[in-house]
Amino acid sequence: VHRGLHTLSNLATDAYEGARQAVARFLNAPHPAQVIFTAGGTDAFNLVACTLGQSIRPGDEIVLSEMEHHANIIPWHFLRERSGAVLRWAPICADGSLDLDAFEALLGPRTRLVALTHMSNVLGTLTPARQIVRLAQARGIPVLLDGCQAAVHAPVDVQDLGCDFY
């Protein structure tokens, strides 16, 4: 893919780019070039952690929730170990929903990223993703939404969500 002039190389590249276009349509991404294929969720979160992590300093905060899949926890633990970042945990309510008031209270001047699930793989909870994004971005905080579960259970429109990473 993207490396040769042979007929098979061109066919492989066309198929790859066709898949990127299909995923962009499926998620309503603004442009197919914004779709990046990784080996899976953990790999995608690691990619964001390694790139954004370059700007994380000791005491900077990353907000997660108590309902995260380990794929969206481990990369941030590793980043915490490397950078001195602080992980802050938004609690869940007795009914399994995200405590939105407690989440909002965690957003502070040292918060550098919000990394939350769009839909919990354990609880089935669909988080108020659009509201989460609005609360964080109003403070200039980028948002990564773990869409591994939601994208297969409900229509996803990343433009409507407004998240920085999905």
Protein backbone atom coordinates (compact mmCIF):
# COMPACT_ATOMS: atom_id res chain seq x y z
CA VAL A 1 0.00 0.00 0.00
CA HIS A 2 1.36 3.41 -1.05
CA ARG A 3 4.76 1.93 -1.91
CA GLY A 4 4.85 0.59 -5.43
CA LEU A 5 3.86 1.03 -9.01
CA HIS A 6 3.00 -2.60 -9.66
CA THR A 7 -0.62 -3.36 -10.53
CA LEU A 8 -1.14 -5.28 -7.27
CA SER A 9 0.35 -2.42 -5.26
CA ASN A 10 -2.02 0.01 -6.96
CA LEU A 11 -4.99 -2.29 -6.33
CA ALA A 12 -4.01 -2.63 -2.67
CA THR A 13 -3.66 1.14 -2.32
CA ASP A 14 -7.04 1.72 -3.95
CA ALA A 15 -8.69 -0.82 -1.62
CA TYR A 16 -7.01 0.72 1.43
CA GLU A 17 -8.08 4.23 0.49
CA GLY A 18 -11.57 2.95 -0.32
CA ALA A 19 -11.77 1.53 3.20
CA ARG A 20 -10.66 4.88 4.62
CA GLN A 21 -13.44 6.61 2.64
CA ALA A 22 -16.01 4.06 3.85
CA VAL A 23 -15.01 4.60 7.49
CA ALA A 24 -15.11 8.38 7.04
CA ARG A 25 -18.67 8.10 5.69
CA PHE A 26 -19.64 5.68 8.47
CA LEU A 27 -18.46 8.10 11.20
CA ASN A 28 -19.24 11.29 9.24
CA ALA A 29 -15.62 12.38 9.48
CA PRO A 30 -14.96 15.68 7.68
CA HIS A 31 -12.30 14.13 5.44
CA PRO A 32 -11.00 10.59 4.79
CA ALA A 33 -7.44 11.75 5.57
CA GLN A 34 -8.59 12.18 9.17
CA VAL A 35 -9.16 8.43 9.46
CA ILE A 36 -6.07 6.66 10.77
CA PHE A 37 -5.99 2.88 10.90
CA THR A 38 -4.36 1.25 13.91
CA ALA A 39 -4.16 -2.31 15.18
CA GLY A 40 -7.02 -1.63 17.61
CA GLY A 41 -8.23 0.57 20.43
CA THR A 42 -5.18 0.15 22.64
CA ASP A 43 -2.89 1.02 19.74
CA ALA A 44 -4.98 4.10 18.95
CA PHE A 45 -4.91 5.30 22.56
CA ASN A 46 -1.16 4.68 22.72
CA LEU A 47 -0.71 6.75 19.56
CA VAL A 48 -2.55 9.69 21.14
CA ALA A 49 -0.76 9.22 24.48
CA CYS A 50 2.65 9.19 22.81
CA THR A 51 1.97 12.26 20.66
CA LEU A 52 0.06 14.41 23.14
CA GLY A 53 2.27 13.07 25.90
CA GLN A 54 5.18 15.11 24.55
CA SER A 55 3.55 18.24 25.96
CA ILE A 56 2.48 16.75 29.32
CA ARG A 57 4.41 18.05 32.33
CA PRO A 58 4.49 16.92 35.99
CA GLY A 59 1.19 17.78 37.66
CA ASP A 60 -0.78 18.04 34.41
CA GLU A 61 -4.05 16.12 34.64
CA ILE A 62 -5.82 13.57 32.47
CA VAL A 63 -9.48 12.92 33.27
CA LEU A 64 -10.85 9.39 32.85
CA SER A 65 -13.94 7.70 34.25
CA GLU A 66 -14.37 4.69 36.49
CA MET A 67 -16.07 2.82 33.64
CA GLU A 68 -13.13 2.82 31.21
CA HIS A 69 -11.92 -0.28 29.43
CA HIS A 70 -8.31 -1.12 30.28
CA ALA A 71 -7.35 -0.14 26.71
CA ASN A 72 -8.19 3.44 27.69
CA ILE A 73 -6.45 3.22 31.05
CA ILE A 74 -3.07 1.57 30.50
CA PRO A 75 -1.68 4.15 28.03
CA TRP A 76 -2.46 6.94 30.49
CA HIS A 77 -0.84 5.03 33.37
CA PHE A 78 2.31 4.67 31.27
CA LEU A 79 2.17 8.36 30.40
CA ARG A 80 1.75 9.19 34.09
CA GLU A 81 4.86 7.16 34.91
CA ARG A 82 6.88 8.87 32.15
CA SER A 83 5.70 12.44 32.67
CA GLY A 84 4.47 12.84 36.23
CA ALA A 85 0.91 13.49 35.04
CA VAL A 86 -1.99 13.00 37.43
CA LEU A 87 -4.92 10.75 36.54
CA ARG A 88 -8.28 12.03 37.79
CA TRP A 89 -11.25 9.68 37.87
CA ALA A 90 -14.86 10.72 37.21
CA PRO A 91 -17.19 8.53 39.27
CA ILE A 92 -20.25 6.69 38.09
CA CYS A 93 -23.66 6.80 39.72
CA ALA A 94 -25.49 3.82 41.23
CA ASP A 95 -27.38 3.32 37.95
CA GLY A 96 -24.12 3.05 36.00
CA SER A 97 -24.32 6.49 34.42
CA LEU A 98 -21.49 9.00 34.48
CA ASP A 99 -21.74 11.52 37.32
CA LEU A 100 -21.65 14.55 35.04
CA ASP A 101 -21.46 17.09 37.89
CA ALA A 102 -18.47 15.30 39.41
CA PHE A 103 -16.90 15.03 35.95
CA GLU A 104 -17.25 18.76 35.38
CA ALA A 105 -15.76 19.50 38.82
CA LEU A 106 -12.61 17.57 37.80
CA LEU A 107 -11.93 19.91 34.87
CA GLY A 108 -9.34 22.38 36.08
CA PRO A 109 -6.52 24.60 34.88
CA ARG A 110 -4.09 21.64 34.82
CA THR A 111 -6.40 19.33 32.82
CA ARG A 112 -4.71 18.57 29.50
CA LEU A 113 -6.95 15.80 28.18
CA VAL A 114 -10.28 14.10 28.76
CA ALA A 115 -10.26 10.44 27.69
CA LEU A 116 -13.66 8.83 28.21
CA THR A 117 -15.66 6.01 26.77
CA HIS A 118 -18.56 6.81 24.49
CA MET A 119 -20.19 3.52 25.53
CA SER A 120 -18.98 1.25 28.30
CA ASN A 121 -18.21 -2.30 27.23
CA VAL A 122 -18.96 -3.53 30.77
CA LEU A 123 -22.03 -1.54 31.78
CA GLY A 124 -23.51 -0.73 28.39
CA THR A 125 -23.72 2.87 29.53
CA LEU A 126 -23.94 5.38 26.72
CA THR A 127 -22.24 8.49 28.08
CA PRO A 128 -23.48 12.01 27.27
CA ALA A 129 -20.56 12.36 24.88
CA ARG A 130 -21.64 15.57 23.22
CA GLN A 131 -22.09 17.26 26.61
CA ILE A 132 -18.73 15.90 27.82
CA VAL A 133 -17.02 17.36 24.75
CA ARG A 134 -18.73 20.75 25.16
CA LEU A 135 -17.79 21.00 28.85
CA ALA A 136 -14.15 20.14 28.18
CA GLN A 137 -13.66 22.16 25.02
CA ALA A 138 -15.21 25.24 26.62
CA ARG A 139 -12.09 25.12 28.83
CA GLY A 140 -9.73 24.43 25.92
CA ILE A 141 -9.31 20.76 26.85
CA PRO A 142 -9.07 18.22 24.00
CA VAL A 143 -11.27 15.13 24.19
CA LEU A 144 -10.61 11.54 23.16
CA LEU A 145 -13.73 9.40 23.01
CA ASP A 146 -13.32 5.63 23.05
CA GLY A 147 -15.75 4.66 20.31
CA CYS A 148 -14.92 0.96 20.16
CA GLN A 149 -18.31 -0.05 21.55
CA ALA A 150 -20.60 2.80 20.48
CA ALA A 151 -19.68 2.68 16.80
CA VAL A 152 -21.03 -0.86 16.48
CA HIS A 153 -24.24 -0.24 18.45
CA ALA A 154 -25.47 3.17 17.29
CA PRO A 155 -24.89 5.70 14.54
CA VAL A 156 -21.89 7.93 15.26
CA ASP A 157 -21.37 11.41 13.89
CA VAL A 158 -17.95 12.66 14.94
CA GLN A 159 -18.67 16.11 13.53
CA ASP A 160 -21.75 16.41 15.72
CA LEU A 161 -19.85 15.08 18.74
CA GLY A 162 -17.03 17.53 18.09
CA CYS A 163 -14.39 15.38 19.79
CA ASP A 164 -10.73 15.71 18.92
CA PHE A 165 -10.08 11.97 18.72
CA TYR A 166 -12.53 9.10 18.25
